[in-house]
Amino acid sequence: MTTFNEELHEAGVLLSADGLSPTKDGYRVTYSMDGPAQVTKRPFDVVREGHVCGWWILKIKDGEEAVSWAKKIPFKEGEVTVRKIAELDDIGDSVTDDVREREKKLTKDLEEKNERN
């Protein structure tokens, strides 16, 4: 996997790549209109329930390029979901100017924090 990650990095498309700890260390928080959030702590069945076990975040031009990279992942078996990270412009007119400005500030603050670390 490291070789694949290095290839992504050398191509200049890799922004982030991380894996998650086993589900035995995790929690599930379930929300309902009927009451407070419910918390479940237990190992989850990764195969039956289809959990995310890790991710790559790439800076690419379109979905076709994302799929092209996904096909190169050195998995023997499994499944990869390819999705775009939504930006405010993707949501449309339902975002108020106030929310748009607050989100821009958060994004800028996080970028500056990440640059310092």
PDB file of N, CA and C in Angstrom:
ATOM      1  N   MET A   1       0.824  -1.189   0.000  1.00  0.00           N
ATOM      2  CA  MET A   1       0.000   0.000   0.000  1.00  0.00           C
ATOM      3  C   MET A   1       0.872   1.259   0.000  1.00  0.00           C
ATOM      4  N   THR A   2       2.007   1.160   0.680  1.00  0.00           N
ATOM      5  CA  THR A   2       2.903   2.320   0.723  1.00  0.00           C
ATOM      6  C   THR A   2       3.361   2.712  -0.672  1.00  0.00           C
ATOM      7  N   THR A   3       3.640   1.721  -1.515  1.00  0.00           N
ATOM      8  CA  THR A   3       4.063   2.014  -2.888  1.00  0.00           C
ATOM      9  C   THR A   3       2.974   2.773  -3.633  1.00  0.00           C
ATOM     10  N   PHE A   4       1.722   2.360  -3.458  1.00  0.00           N
ATOM     11  CA  PHE A   4       0.597   3.044  -4.093  1.00  0.00           C
ATOM     12  C   PHE A   4       0.490   4.479  -3.572  1.00  0.00           C
ATOM     13  N   ASN A   5       0.604   4.643  -2.254  1.00  0.00           N
ATOM     14  CA  ASN A   5       0.534   5.988  -1.672  1.00  0.00           C
ATOM     15  C   ASN A   5       1.663   6.874  -2.190  1.00  0.00           C
ATOM     16  N   GLU A   6       2.853   6.296  -2.339  1.00  0.00           N
ATOM     17  CA  GLU A   6       3.979   7.054  -2.892  1.00  0.00           C
ATOM     18  C   GLU A   6       3.708   7.463  -4.340  1.00  0.00           C
ATOM     19  N   GLU A   7       3.087   6.569  -5.100  1.00  0.00           N
ATOM     20  CA  GLU A   7       2.734   6.891  -6.489  1.00  0.00           C
ATOM     21  C   GLU A   7       1.752   8.065  -6.541  1.00  0.00           C
ATOM     22  N   LEU A   8       0.752   8.042  -5.670  1.00  0.00           N
ATOM     23  CA  LEU A   8      -0.198   9.155  -5.588  1.00  0.00           C
ATOM     24  C   LEU A   8       0.524  10.453  -5.226  1.00  0.00           C
ATOM     25  N   HIS A   9       1.416  10.361  -4.261  1.00  0.00           N
ATOM     26  CA  HIS A   9       2.171  11.541  -3.815  1.00  0.00           C
ATOM     27  C   HIS A   9       3.048  12.087  -4.940  1.00  0.00           C
ATOM     28  N   GLU A  10       3.771  11.200  -5.610  1.00  0.00           N
ATOM     29  CA  GLU A  10       4.657  11.627  -6.697  1.00  0.00           C
ATOM     30  C   GLU A  10       3.876  12.255  -7.851  1.00  0.00           C
ATOM     31  N   ALA A  11       2.632  11.813  -8.052  1.00  0.00           N
ATOM     32  CA  ALA A  11       1.786  12.385  -9.104  1.00  0.00           C
ATOM     33  C   ALA A  11       1.198  13.735  -8.680  1.00  0.00           C
ATOM     34  N   GLY A  12       1.365  14.077  -7.400  1.00  0.00           N
ATOM     35  CA  GLY A  12       0.872  15.366  -6.913  1.00  0.00           C
ATOM     36  C   GLY A  12      -0.619  15.414  -6.640  1.00  0.00           C
ATOM     37  N   VAL A  13      -1.255  14.242  -6.471  1.00  0.00           N
ATOM     38  CA  VAL A  13      -2.707  14.231  -6.261  1.00  0.00           C
ATOM     39  C   VAL A  13      -3.114  13.873  -4.832  1.00  0.00           C
ATOM     40  N   LEU A  14      -2.196  13.340  -4.029  1.00  0.00           N
ATOM     41  CA  LEU A  14      -2.542  12.871  -2.688  1.00  0.00           C
ATOM     42  C   LEU A  14      -2.606  14.025  -1.690  1.00  0.00           C
ATOM     43  N   LEU A  15      -3.776  14.211  -1.082  1.00  0.00           N
ATOM     44  CA  LEU A  15      -3.935  15.203  -0.013  1.00  0.00           C
ATOM     45  C   LEU A  15      -3.909  14.540   1.357  1.00  0.00           C
ATOM     46  N   SER A  16      -4.474  13.319   1.446  1.00  0.00           N
ATOM     47  CA  SER A  16      -4.560  12.627   2.725  1.00  0.00           C
ATOM     48  C   SER A  16      -4.803  11.144   2.476  1.00  0.00           C
ATOM     49  N   ALA A  17      -4.250  10.308   3.365  1.00  0.00           N
ATOM     50  CA  ALA A  17      -4.504   8.866   3.316  1.00  0.00           C
ATOM     51  C   ALA A  17      -4.406   8.348   4.742  1.00  0.00           C
ATOM     52  N   ASP A  18      -5.467   7.732   5.221  1.00  0.00           N
ATOM     53  CA  ASP A  18      -5.485   7.233   6.589  1.00  0.00           C
ATOM     54  C   ASP A  18      -6.316   5.969   6.683  1.00  0.00           C
ATOM     55  N   GLY A  19      -6.012   5.166   7.696  1.00  0.00           N
ATOM     56  CA  GLY A  19      -6.799   3.984   8.005  1.00  0.00           C
ATOM     57  C   GLY A  19      -7.439   4.158   9.370  1.00  0.00           C
ATOM     58  N   LEU A  20      -8.475   3.391   9.616  1.00  0.00           N
ATOM     59  CA  LEU A  20      -9.188   3.465  10.892  1.00  0.00           C
ATOM     60  C   LEU A  20      -8.826   2.274  11.770  1.00  0.00           C
ATOM     61  N   SER A  21      -8.886   2.464  13.082  1.00  0.00           N
ATOM     62  CA  SER A  21      -8.642   1.372  14.017  1.00  0.00           C
ATOM     63  C   SER A  21      -9.791   0.363  13.918  1.00  0.00           C
ATOM     64  N   PRO A  22      -9.608  -0.847  14.477  1.00  0.00           N
ATOM     65  CA  PRO A  22     -10.660  -1.861  14.398  1.00  0.00           C
ATOM     66  C   PRO A  22     -11.985  -1.381  15.002  1.00  0.00           C
ATOM     67  N   THR A  23     -13.086  -1.933  14.498  1.00  0.00           N
ATOM     68  CA  THR A  23     -14.403  -1.506  14.981  1.00  0.00           C
ATOM     69  C   THR A  23     -14.619  -1.839  16.449  1.00  0.00           C
ATOM     70  N   LYS A  24     -13.845  -2.773  17.004  1.00  0.00           N
ATOM     71  CA  LYS A  24     -13.987  -3.088  18.436  1.00  0.00           C
ATOM     72  C   LYS A  24     -13.676  -1.878  19.308  1.00  0.00           C
ATOM     73  N   ASP A  25     -12.935  -0.925  18.746  1.00  0.00           N
ATOM     74  CA  ASP A  25     -12.590   0.296  19.474  1.00  0.00           C
ATOM     75  C   ASP A  25     -13.558   1.439  19.183  1.00  0.00           C
ATOM     76  N   GLY A  26     -14.591   1.170  18.390  1.00  0.00           N
ATOM     77  CA  GLY A  26     -15.452   2.246  17.916  1.00  0.00           C
ATOM     78  C   GLY A  26     -16.788   2.348  18.626  1.00  0.00           C
ATOM     79  N   TYR A  27     -17.501   3.368  18.240  1.00  0.00           N
ATOM     80  CA  TYR A  27     -18.849   3.644  18.735  1.00  0.00           C
ATOM     81  C   TYR A  27     -19.740   3.929  17.538  1.00  0.00           C
ATOM     82  N   ARG A  28     -21.004   3.669  17.699  1.00  0.00           N
ATOM     83  CA  ARG A  28     -21.994   4.071  16.701  1.00  0.00           C
ATOM     84  C   ARG A  28     -22.994   4.966  17.410  1.00  0.00           C
ATOM     85  N   VAL A  29     -23.228   6.134  16.847  1.00  0.00           N
ATOM     86  CA  VAL A  29     -24.217   7.068  17.393  1.00  0.00           C
ATOM     87  C   VAL A  29     -25.371   7.113  16.401  1.00  0.00           C
ATOM     88  N   THR A  30     -26.562   6.738  16.868  1.00  0.00           N
ATOM     89  CA  THR A  30     -27.749   6.677  16.029  1.00  0.00           C
ATOM     90  C   THR A  30     -28.712   7.788  16.438  1.00  0.00           C
ATOM     91  N   TYR A  31     -29.195   8.516  15.452  1.00  0.00           N
ATOM     92  CA  TYR A  31     -30.091   9.653  15.695  1.00  0.00           C
ATOM     93  C   TYR A  31     -31.505   9.301  15.266  1.00  0.00           C
ATOM     94  N   SER A  32     -32.468   9.830  16.020  1.00  0.00           N
ATOM     95  CA  SER A  32     -33.868   9.579  15.718  1.00  0.00           C
ATOM     96  C   SER A  32     -34.681  10.812  16.072  1.00  0.00           C
ATOM     97  N   MET A  33     -35.729  11.053  15.288  1.00  0.00           N
ATOM     98  CA  MET A  33     -36.636  12.165  15.592  1.00  0.00           C
ATOM     99  C   MET A  33     -37.386  11.903  16.899  1.00  0.00           C
ATOM    100  N   ASP A  34     -37.411  10.639  17.337  1.00  0.00           N
ATOM    101  CA  ASP A  34     -38.209  10.246  18.491  1.00  0.00           C
ATOM    102  C   ASP A  34     -37.507  10.394  19.836  1.00  0.00           C
ATOM    103  N   GLY A  35     -36.246  10.799  19.850  1.00  0.00           N
ATOM    104  CA  GLY A  35     -35.574  10.896  21.134  1.00  0.00           C
ATOM    105  C   GLY A  35     -34.111  11.250  20.996  1.00  0.00           C
ATOM    106  N   PRO A  36     -33.392  11.124  22.121  1.00  0.00           N
ATOM    107  CA  PRO A  36     -31.976  11.498  22.113  1.00  0.00           C
ATOM    108  C   PRO A  36     -31.134  10.505  21.307  1.00  0.00           C
ATOM    109  N   ALA A  37     -29.940  10.930  20.986  1.00  0.00           N
ATOM    110  CA  ALA A  37     -29.011  10.065  20.257  1.00  0.00           C
ATOM    111  C   ALA A  37     -28.697   8.826  21.095  1.00  0.00           C
ATOM    112  N   GLN A  38     -28.619   7.685  20.437  1.00  0.00           N
ATOM    113  CA  GLN A  38     -28.301   6.419  21.090  1.00  0.00           C
ATOM    114  C   GLN A  38     -26.863   6.040  20.742  1.00  0.00           C
ATOM    115  N   VAL A  39     -26.083   5.630  21.755  1.00  0.00           N
ATOM    116  CA  VAL A  39     -24.685   5.261  21.552  1.00  0.00           C
ATOM    117  C   VAL A  39     -24.528   3.761  21.750  1.00  0.00           C
ATOM    118  N   THR A  40     -23.896   3.112  20.783  1.00  0.00           N
ATOM    119  CA  THR A  40     -23.614   1.684  20.854  1.00  0.00           C
ATOM    120  C   THR A  40     -22.105   1.502  20.777  1.00  0.00           C
ATOM    121  N   LYS A  41     -21.538   0.781  21.754  1.00  0.00           N
ATOM    122  CA  LYS A  41     -20.120   0.457  21.703  1.00  0.00           C
ATOM    123  C   LYS A  41     -20.009  -1.052  21.538  1.00  0.00           C
ATOM    124  N   ARG A  42     -19.342  -1.444  20.460  1.00  0.00           N
ATOM    125  CA  ARG A  42     -19.152  -2.875  20.221  1.00  0.00           C
ATOM    126  C   ARG A  42     -18.322  -3.039  18.963  1.00  0.00           C
ATOM    127  N   PRO A  43     -17.834  -4.222  18.747  1.00  0.00           N
ATOM    128  CA  PRO A  43     -17.259  -4.462  17.424  1.00  0.00           C
ATOM    129  C   PRO A  43     -18.396  -4.590  16.416  1.00  0.00           C
ATOM    130  N   PHE A  44     -18.185  -4.076  15.244  1.00  0.00           N
ATOM    131  CA  PHE A  44     -19.188  -4.132  14.190  1.00  0.00           C
ATOM    132  C   PHE A  44     -18.729  -5.106  13.123  1.00  0.00           C
ATOM    133  N   ASP A  45     -19.652  -5.715  12.437  1.00  0.00           N
ATOM    134  CA  ASP A  45     -19.354  -6.685  11.384  1.00  0.00           C
ATOM    135  C   ASP A  45     -18.988  -5.936  10.103  1.00  0.00           C
ATOM    136  N   VAL A  46     -17.694  -5.782   9.874  1.00  0.00           N
ATOM    137  CA  VAL A  46     -17.207  -4.999   8.737  1.00  0.00           C
ATOM    138  C   VAL A  46     -17.677  -5.586   7.410  1.00  0.00           C
ATOM    139  N   VAL A  47     -17.677  -6.902   7.289  1.00  0.00           N
ATOM    140  CA  VAL A  47     -18.070  -7.537   6.025  1.00  0.00           C
ATOM    141  C   VAL A  47     -19.561  -7.364   5.778  1.00  0.00           C
ATOM    142  N   ARG A  48     -20.376  -7.702   6.762  1.00  0.00           N
ATOM    143  CA  ARG A  48     -21.829  -7.652   6.588  1.00  0.00           C
ATOM    144  C   ARG A  48     -22.357  -6.223   6.515  1.00  0.00           C
ATOM    145  N   GLU A  49     -21.772  -5.325   7.284  1.00  0.00           N
ATOM    146  CA  GLU A  49     -22.286  -3.961   7.371  1.00  0.00           C
ATOM    147  C   GLU A  49     -21.560  -2.977   6.460  1.00  0.00           C
ATOM    148  N   GLY A  50     -20.483  -3.400   5.824  1.00  0.00           N
ATOM    149  CA  GLY A  50     -19.798  -2.554   4.854  1.00  0.00           C
ATOM    150  C   GLY A  50     -19.224  -1.263   5.403  1.00  0.00           C
ATOM    151  N   HIS A  51     -18.392  -1.345   6.405  1.00  0.00           N
ATOM    152  CA  HIS A  51     -17.813  -0.152   7.033  1.00  0.00           C
ATOM    153  C   HIS A  51     -16.642   0.416   6.247  1.00  0.00           C
ATOM    154  N   VAL A  52     -16.438   1.706   6.403  1.00  0.00           N
ATOM    155  CA  VAL A  52     -15.245   2.362   5.874  1.00  0.00           C
ATOM    156  C   VAL A  52     -14.078   1.972   6.778  1.00  0.00           C
ATOM    157  N   CYS A  53     -12.999   1.499   6.183  1.00  0.00           N
ATOM    158  CA  CYS A  53     -11.825   1.093   6.958  1.00  0.00           C
ATOM    159  C   CYS A  53     -10.648   2.045   6.764  1.00  0.00           C
ATOM    160  N   GLY A  54     -10.768   2.919   5.799  1.00  0.00           N
ATOM    161  CA  GLY A  54      -9.719   3.892   5.538  1.00  0.00           C
ATOM    162  C   GLY A  54     -10.129   4.750   4.355  1.00  0.00           C
ATOM    163  N   TRP A  55      -9.265   5.708   3.985  1.00  0.00           N
ATOM    164  CA  TRP A  55      -9.618   6.577   2.867  1.00  0.00           C
ATOM    165  C   TRP A  55      -8.390   7.241   2.276  1.00  0.00           C
ATOM    166  N   TRP A  56      -8.576   7.686   1.078  1.00  0.00           N
ATOM    167  CA  TRP A  56      -7.638   8.571   0.395  1.00  0.00           C
ATOM    168  C   TRP A  56      -8.423   9.813   0.000  1.00  0.00           C
ATOM    169  N   ILE A  57      -7.815  10.963   0.134  1.00  0.00           N
ATOM    170  CA  ILE A  57      -8.397  12.192  -0.402  1.00  0.00           C
ATOM    171  C   ILE A  57      -7.431  12.689  -1.467  1.00  0.00           C
ATOM    172  N   LEU A  58      -7.956  12.801  -2.688  1.00  0.00           N
ATOM    173  CA  LEU A  58      -7.142  13.186  -3.836  1.00  0.00           C
ATOM    174  C   LEU A  58      -7.617  14.509  -4.402  1.00  0.00           C
ATOM    175  N   LYS A  59      -6.709  15.266  -4.927  1.00  0.00           N
ATOM    176  CA  LYS A  59      -7.028  16.505  -5.655  1.00  0.00           C
ATOM    177  C   LYS A  59      -6.894  16.167  -7.138  1.00  0.00           C
ATOM    178  N   ILE A  60      -8.028  15.904  -7.771  1.00  0.00           N
ATOM    179  CA  ILE A  60      -8.034  15.484  -9.169  1.00  0.00           C
ATOM    180  C   ILE A  60      -9.054  16.318  -9.930  1.00  0.00           C
ATOM    181  N   LYS A  61      -9.080  16.143 -11.258  1.00  0.00           N
ATOM    182  CA  LYS A  61      -9.945  17.018 -12.061  1.00  0.00           C
ATOM    183  C   LYS A  61     -11.382  16.526 -12.177  1.00  0.00           C
ATOM    184  N   ASP A  62     -11.612  15.200 -12.114  1.00  0.00           N
ATOM    185  CA  ASP A  62     -12.981  14.710 -12.294  1.00  0.00           C
ATOM    186  C   ASP A  62     -13.117  13.269 -11.798  1.00  0.00           C
ATOM    187  N   GLY A  63     -14.345  12.765 -11.872  1.00  0.00           N
ATOM    188  CA  GLY A  63     -14.638  11.416 -11.420  1.00  0.00           C
ATOM    189  C   GLY A  63     -13.901  10.344 -12.197  1.00  0.00           C
ATOM    190  N   GLU A  64     -13.701  10.561 -13.483  1.00  0.00           N
ATOM    191  CA  GLU A  64     -12.983   9.574 -14.297  1.00  0.00           C
ATOM    192  C   GLU A  64     -11.551   9.396 -13.805  1.00  0.00           C
ATOM    193  N   GLU A  65     -10.901  10.491 -13.467  1.00  0.00           N
ATOM    194  CA  GLU A  65      -9.536  10.386 -12.943  1.00  0.00           C
ATOM    195  C   GLU A  65      -9.543   9.675 -11.590  1.00  0.00           C
ATOM    196  N   ALA A  66     -10.543   9.958 -10.758  1.00  0.00           N
ATOM    197  CA  ALA A  66     -10.650   9.296  -9.456  1.00  0.00           C
ATOM    198  C   ALA A  66     -10.810   7.790  -9.630  1.00  0.00           C
ATOM    199  N   VAL A  67     -11.668   7.383 -10.552  1.00  0.00           N
ATOM    200  CA  VAL A  67     -11.879   5.954 -10.807  1.00  0.00           C
ATOM    201  C   VAL A  67     -10.607   5.318 -11.357  1.00  0.00           C
ATOM    202  N   SER A  68      -9.902   6.035 -12.211  1.00  0.00           N
ATOM    203  CA  SER A  68      -8.644   5.530 -12.759  1.00  0.00           C
ATOM    204  C   SER A  68      -7.650   5.219 -11.640  1.00  0.00           C
ATOM    205  N   TRP A  69      -7.530   6.119 -10.682  1.00  0.00           N
ATOM    206  CA  TRP A  69      -6.657   5.864  -9.539  1.00  0.00           C
ATOM    207  C   TRP A  69      -7.197   4.718  -8.682  1.00  0.00           C
ATOM    208  N   ALA A  70      -8.494   4.671  -8.455  1.00  0.00           N
ATOM    209  CA  ALA A  70      -9.084   3.614  -7.622  1.00  0.00           C
ATOM    210  C   ALA A  70      -8.809   2.234  -8.202  1.00  0.00           C
ATOM    211  N   LYS A  71      -8.793   2.116  -9.510  1.00  0.00           N
ATOM    212  CA  LYS A  71      -8.512   0.826 -10.156  1.00  0.00           C
ATOM    213  C   LYS A  71      -7.085   0.350  -9.891  1.00  0.00           C
ATOM    214  N   LYS A  72      -6.204   1.252  -9.503  1.00  0.00           N
ATOM    215  CA  LYS A  72      -4.804   0.900  -9.243  1.00  0.00           C
ATOM    216  C   LYS A  72      -4.545   0.488  -7.792  1.00  0.00           C
ATOM    217  N   ILE A  73      -5.546   0.608  -6.930  1.00  0.00           N
ATOM    218  CA  ILE A  73      -5.359   0.244  -5.521  1.00  0.00           C
ATOM    219  C   ILE A  73      -5.017  -1.242  -5.449  1.00  0.00           C
ATOM    220  N   PRO A  74      -3.959  -1.602  -4.737  1.00  0.00           N
ATOM    221  CA  PRO A  74      -3.518  -2.999  -4.722  1.00  0.00           C
ATOM    222  C   PRO A  74      -4.299  -3.894  -3.757  1.00  0.00           C
ATOM    223  N   PHE A  75      -5.608  -3.915  -3.888  1.00  0.00           N
ATOM    224  CA  PHE A  75      -6.444  -4.810  -3.089  1.00  0.00           C
ATOM    225  C   PHE A  75      -6.591  -6.139  -3.814  1.00  0.00           C
ATOM    226  N   LYS A  76      -6.590  -7.230  -3.053  1.00  0.00           N
ATOM    227  CA  LYS A  76      -6.885  -8.539  -3.637  1.00  0.00           C
ATOM    228  C   LYS A  76      -8.398  -8.733  -3.751  1.00  0.00           C
ATOM    229  N   GLU A  77      -9.118  -8.193  -2.788  1.00  0.00           N
ATOM    230  CA  GLU A  77     -10.586  -8.224  -2.819  1.00  0.00           C
ATOM    231  C   GLU A  77     -11.101  -7.065  -1.990  1.00  0.00           C
ATOM    232  N   GLY A  78     -12.378  -6.779  -2.126  1.00  0.00           N
ATOM    233  CA  GLY A  78     -12.978  -5.690  -1.368  1.00  0.00           C
ATOM    234  C   GLY A  78     -13.719  -4.733  -2.270  1.00  0.00           C
ATOM    235  N   GLU A  79     -13.917  -3.550  -1.772  1.00  0.00           N
ATOM    236  CA  GLU A  79     -14.709  -2.561  -2.492  1.00  0.00           C
ATOM    237  C   GLU A  79     -14.215  -1.168  -2.121  1.00  0.00           C
ATOM    238  N   VAL A  80     -14.229  -0.279  -3.083  1.00  0.00           N
ATOM    239  CA  VAL A  80     -13.861   1.115  -2.860  1.00  0.00           C
ATOM    240  C   VAL A  80     -14.996   1.981  -3.383  1.00  0.00           C
ATOM    241  N   THR A  81     -15.411   2.936  -2.595  1.00  0.00           N
ATOM    242  CA  THR A  81     -16.416   3.902  -3.020  1.00  0.00           C
ATOM    243  C   THR A  81     -15.704   5.194  -3.387  1.00  0.00           C
ATOM    244  N   VAL A  82     -16.025   5.733  -4.553  1.00  0.00           N
ATOM    245  CA  VAL A  82     -15.427   6.983  -5.018  1.00  0.00           C
ATOM    246  C   VAL A  82     -16.494   8.064  -4.939  1.00  0.00           C
ATOM    247  N   ARG A  83     -16.196   9.121  -4.186  1.00  0.00           N
ATOM    248  CA  ARG A  83     -17.151  10.219  -4.039  1.00  0.00           C
ATOM    249  C   ARG A  83     -16.417  11.542  -4.029  1.00  0.00           C
ATOM    250  N   LYS A  84     -17.114  12.567  -4.438  1.00  0.00           N
ATOM    251  CA  LYS A  84     -16.589  13.929  -4.419  1.00  0.00           C
ATOM    252  C   LYS A  84     -16.878  14.539  -3.049  1.00  0.00           C
ATOM    253  N   ILE A  85     -15.929  15.297  -2.535  1.00  0.00           N
ATOM    254  CA  ILE A  85     -16.182  16.055  -1.308  1.00  0.00           C
ATOM    255  C   ILE A  85     -16.985  17.288  -1.701  1.00  0.00           C
ATOM    256  N   ALA A  86     -18.150  17.434  -1.110  1.00  0.00           N
ATOM    257  CA  ALA A  86     -19.042  18.542  -1.464  1.00  0.00           C
ATOM    258  C   ALA A  86     -18.462  19.870  -0.999  1.00  0.00           C
ATOM    259  N   GLU A  87     -18.633  20.859  -1.833  1.00  0.00           N
ATOM    260  CA  GLU A  87     -18.256  22.225  -1.497  1.00  0.00           C
ATOM    261  C   GLU A  87     -19.531  23.051  -1.413  1.00  0.00           C
ATOM    262  N   LEU A  88     -19.450  24.215  -0.799  1.00  0.00           N
ATOM    263  CA  LEU A  88     -20.646  25.043  -0.629  1.00  0.00           C
ATOM    264  C   LEU A  88     -21.349  25.315  -1.950  1.00  0.00           C
ATOM    265  N   ASP A  89     -20.595  25.537  -3.001  1.00  0.00           N
ATOM    266  CA  ASP A  89     -21.208  25.814  -4.301  1.00  0.00           C
ATOM    267  C   ASP A  89     -22.026  24.635  -4.821  1.00  0.00           C
ATOM    268  N   ASP A  90     -21.699  23.415  -4.363  1.00  0.00           N
ATOM    269  CA  ASP A  90     -22.455  22.233  -4.784  1.00  0.00           C
ATOM    270  C   ASP A  90     -23.838  22.197  -4.148  1.00  0.00           C
ATOM    271  N   ILE A  91     -23.996  22.855  -3.010  1.00  0.00           N
ATOM    272  CA  ILE A  91     -25.266  22.830  -2.278  1.00  0.00           C
ATOM    273  C   ILE A  91     -26.281  23.774  -2.905  1.00  0.00           C
ATOM    274  N   GLY A  92     -25.791  24.865  -3.454  1.00  0.00           N
ATOM    275  CA  GLY A  92     -26.685  25.774  -4.168  1.00  0.00           C
ATOM    276  C   GLY A  92     -27.144  26.953  -3.344  1.00  0.00           C
ATOM    277  N   ASP A  93     -28.314  27.464  -3.711  1.00  0.00           N
ATOM    278  CA  ASP A  93     -28.842  28.696  -3.123  1.00  0.00           C
ATOM    279  C   ASP A  93     -29.359  28.535  -1.700  1.00  0.00           C
ATOM    280  N   SER A  94     -29.447  27.306  -1.200  1.00  0.00           N
ATOM    281  CA  SER A  94     -29.970  27.113   0.152  1.00  0.00           C
ATOM    282  C   SER A  94     -28.976  27.570   1.222  1.00  0.00           C
ATOM    283  N   VAL A  95     -27.733  27.872   0.824  1.00  0.00           N
ATOM    284  CA  VAL A  95     -26.727  28.345   1.771  1.00  0.00           C
ATOM    285  C   VAL A  95     -26.793  29.871   1.841  1.00  0.00           C
ATOM    286  N   THR A  96     -27.027  30.386   3.041  1.00  0.00           N
ATOM    287  CA  THR A  96     -27.111  31.842   3.212  1.00  0.00           C
ATOM    288  C   THR A  96     -25.716  32.465   3.130  1.00  0.00           C
ATOM    289  N   ASP A  97     -25.672  33.768   2.885  1.00  0.00           N
ATOM    290  CA  ASP A  97     -24.393  34.482   2.841  1.00  0.00           C
ATOM    291  C   ASP A  97     -23.658  34.363   4.174  1.00  0.00           C
ATOM    292  N   ASP A  98     -24.409  34.412   5.280  1.00  0.00           N
ATOM    293  CA  ASP A  98     -23.810  34.285   6.608  1.00  0.00           C
ATOM    294  C   ASP A  98     -23.116  32.931   6.759  1.00  0.00           C
ATOM    295  N   VAL A  99     -23.807  31.865   6.407  1.00  0.00           N
ATOM    296  CA  VAL A  99     -23.227  30.521   6.510  1.00  0.00           C
ATOM    297  C   VAL A  99     -22.017  30.402   5.585  1.00  0.00           C
ATOM    298  N   ARG A 100     -22.128  30.926   4.394  1.00  0.00           N
ATOM    299  CA  ARG A 100     -21.024  30.882   3.423  1.00  0.00           C
ATOM    300  C   ARG A 100     -19.770  31.565   4.004  1.00  0.00           C
ATOM    301  N   GLU A 101     -19.944  32.738   4.613  1.00  0.00           N
ATOM    302  CA  GLU A 101     -18.809  33.463   5.202  1.00  0.00           C
ATOM    303  C   GLU A 101     -18.223  32.710   6.392  1.00  0.00           C
ATOM    304  N   ARG A 102     -19.092  32.162   7.235  1.00  0.00           N
ATOM    305  CA  ARG A 102     -18.613  31.401   8.394  1.00  0.00           C
ATOM    306  C   ARG A 102     -17.835  30.170   7.957  1.00  0.00           C
ATOM    307  N   GLU A 103     -18.319  29.477   6.924  1.00  0.00           N
ATOM    308  CA  GLU A 103     -17.621  28.295   6.401  1.00  0.00           C
ATOM    309  C   GLU A 103     -16.272  28.673   5.798  1.00  0.00           C
ATOM    310  N   LYS A 104     -16.218  29.794   5.082  1.00  0.00           N
ATOM    311  CA  LYS A 104     -14.946  30.263   4.513  1.00  0.00           C
ATOM    312  C   LYS A 104     -13.934  30.536   5.618  1.00  0.00           C
ATOM    313  N   LYS A 105     -14.401  31.155   6.708  1.00  0.00           N
ATOM    314  CA  LYS A 105     -13.508  31.451   7.831  1.00  0.00           C
ATOM    315  C   LYS A 105     -12.999  30.159   8.460  1.00  0.00           C
ATOM    316  N   LEU A 106     -13.889  29.193   8.677  1.00  0.00           N
ATOM    317  CA  LEU A 106     -13.466  27.905   9.237  1.00  0.00           C
ATOM    318  C   LEU A 106     -12.427  27.238   8.344  1.00  0.00           C
ATOM    319  N   THR A 107     -12.683  27.225   7.045  1.00  0.00           N
ATOM    320  CA  THR A 107     -11.757  26.605   6.099  1.00  0.00           C
ATOM    321  C   THR A 107     -10.396  27.281   6.157  1.00  0.00           C
ATOM    322  N   LYS A 108     -10.390  28.605   6.156  1.00  0.00           N
ATOM    323  CA  LYS A 108      -9.136  29.361   6.212  1.00  0.00           C
ATOM    324  C   LYS A 108      -8.393  29.070   7.509  1.00  0.00           C
ATOM    325  N   ASP A 109      -9.108  29.080   8.636  1.00  0.00           N
ATOM    326  CA  ASP A 109      -8.483  28.808   9.931  1.00  0.00           C
ATOM    327  C   ASP A 109      -7.869  27.407   9.968  1.00  0.00           C
ATOM    328  N   LEU A 110      -8.584  26.417   9.437  1.00  0.00           N
ATOM    329  CA  LEU A 110      -8.066  25.048   9.417  1.00  0.00           C
ATOM    330  C   LEU A 110      -6.841  24.922   8.520  1.00  0.00           C
ATOM    331  N   GLU A 111      -6.869  25.574   7.370  1.00  0.00           N
ATOM    332  CA  GLU A 111      -5.715  25.542   6.470  1.00  0.00           C
ATOM    333  C   GLU A 111      -4.493  26.148   7.146  1.00  0.00           C
ATOM    334  N   GLU A 112      -4.675  27.271   7.832  1.00  0.00           N
ATOM    335  CA  GLU A 112      -3.563  27.914   8.535  1.00  0.00           C
ATOM    336  C   GLU A 112      -3.041  27.030   9.659  1.00  0.00           C
ATOM    337  N   LYS A 113      -3.943  26.391  10.385  1.00  0.00           N
ATOM    338  CA  LYS A 113      -3.537  25.491  11.469  1.00  0.00           C
ATOM    339  C   LYS A 113      -2.743  24.318  10.905  1.00  0.00           C
ATOM    340  N   ASN A 114      -3.207  23.740   9.802  1.00  0.00           N
ATOM    341  CA  ASN A 114      -2.514  22.607   9.197  1.00  0.00           C
ATOM    342  C   ASN A 114      -1.144  23.003   8.664  1.00  0.00           C
ATOM    343  N   GLU A 115      -1.014  24.214   8.160  1.00  0.00           N
ATOM    344  CA  GLU A 115       0.283  24.692   7.672  1.00  0.00           C
ATOM    345  C   GLU A 115       1.286  24.816   8.816  1.00  0.00           C
ATOM    346  N   ARG A 116       0.814  25.190   9.999  1.00  0.00           N
ATOM    347  CA  ARG A 116       1.702  25.335  11.164  1.00  0.00           C
ATOM    348  C   ARG A 116       2.143  23.981  11.697  1.00  0.00           C
ATOM    349  N   ASN A 117       1.302  22.972  11.512  1.00  0.00           N
ATOM    350  CA  ASN A 117       1.629  21.638  12.055  1.00  0.00           C
ATOM    351  C   ASN A 117       2.393  20.893  11.064  1.00  0.00           C
TER     352      ASN A 117
END
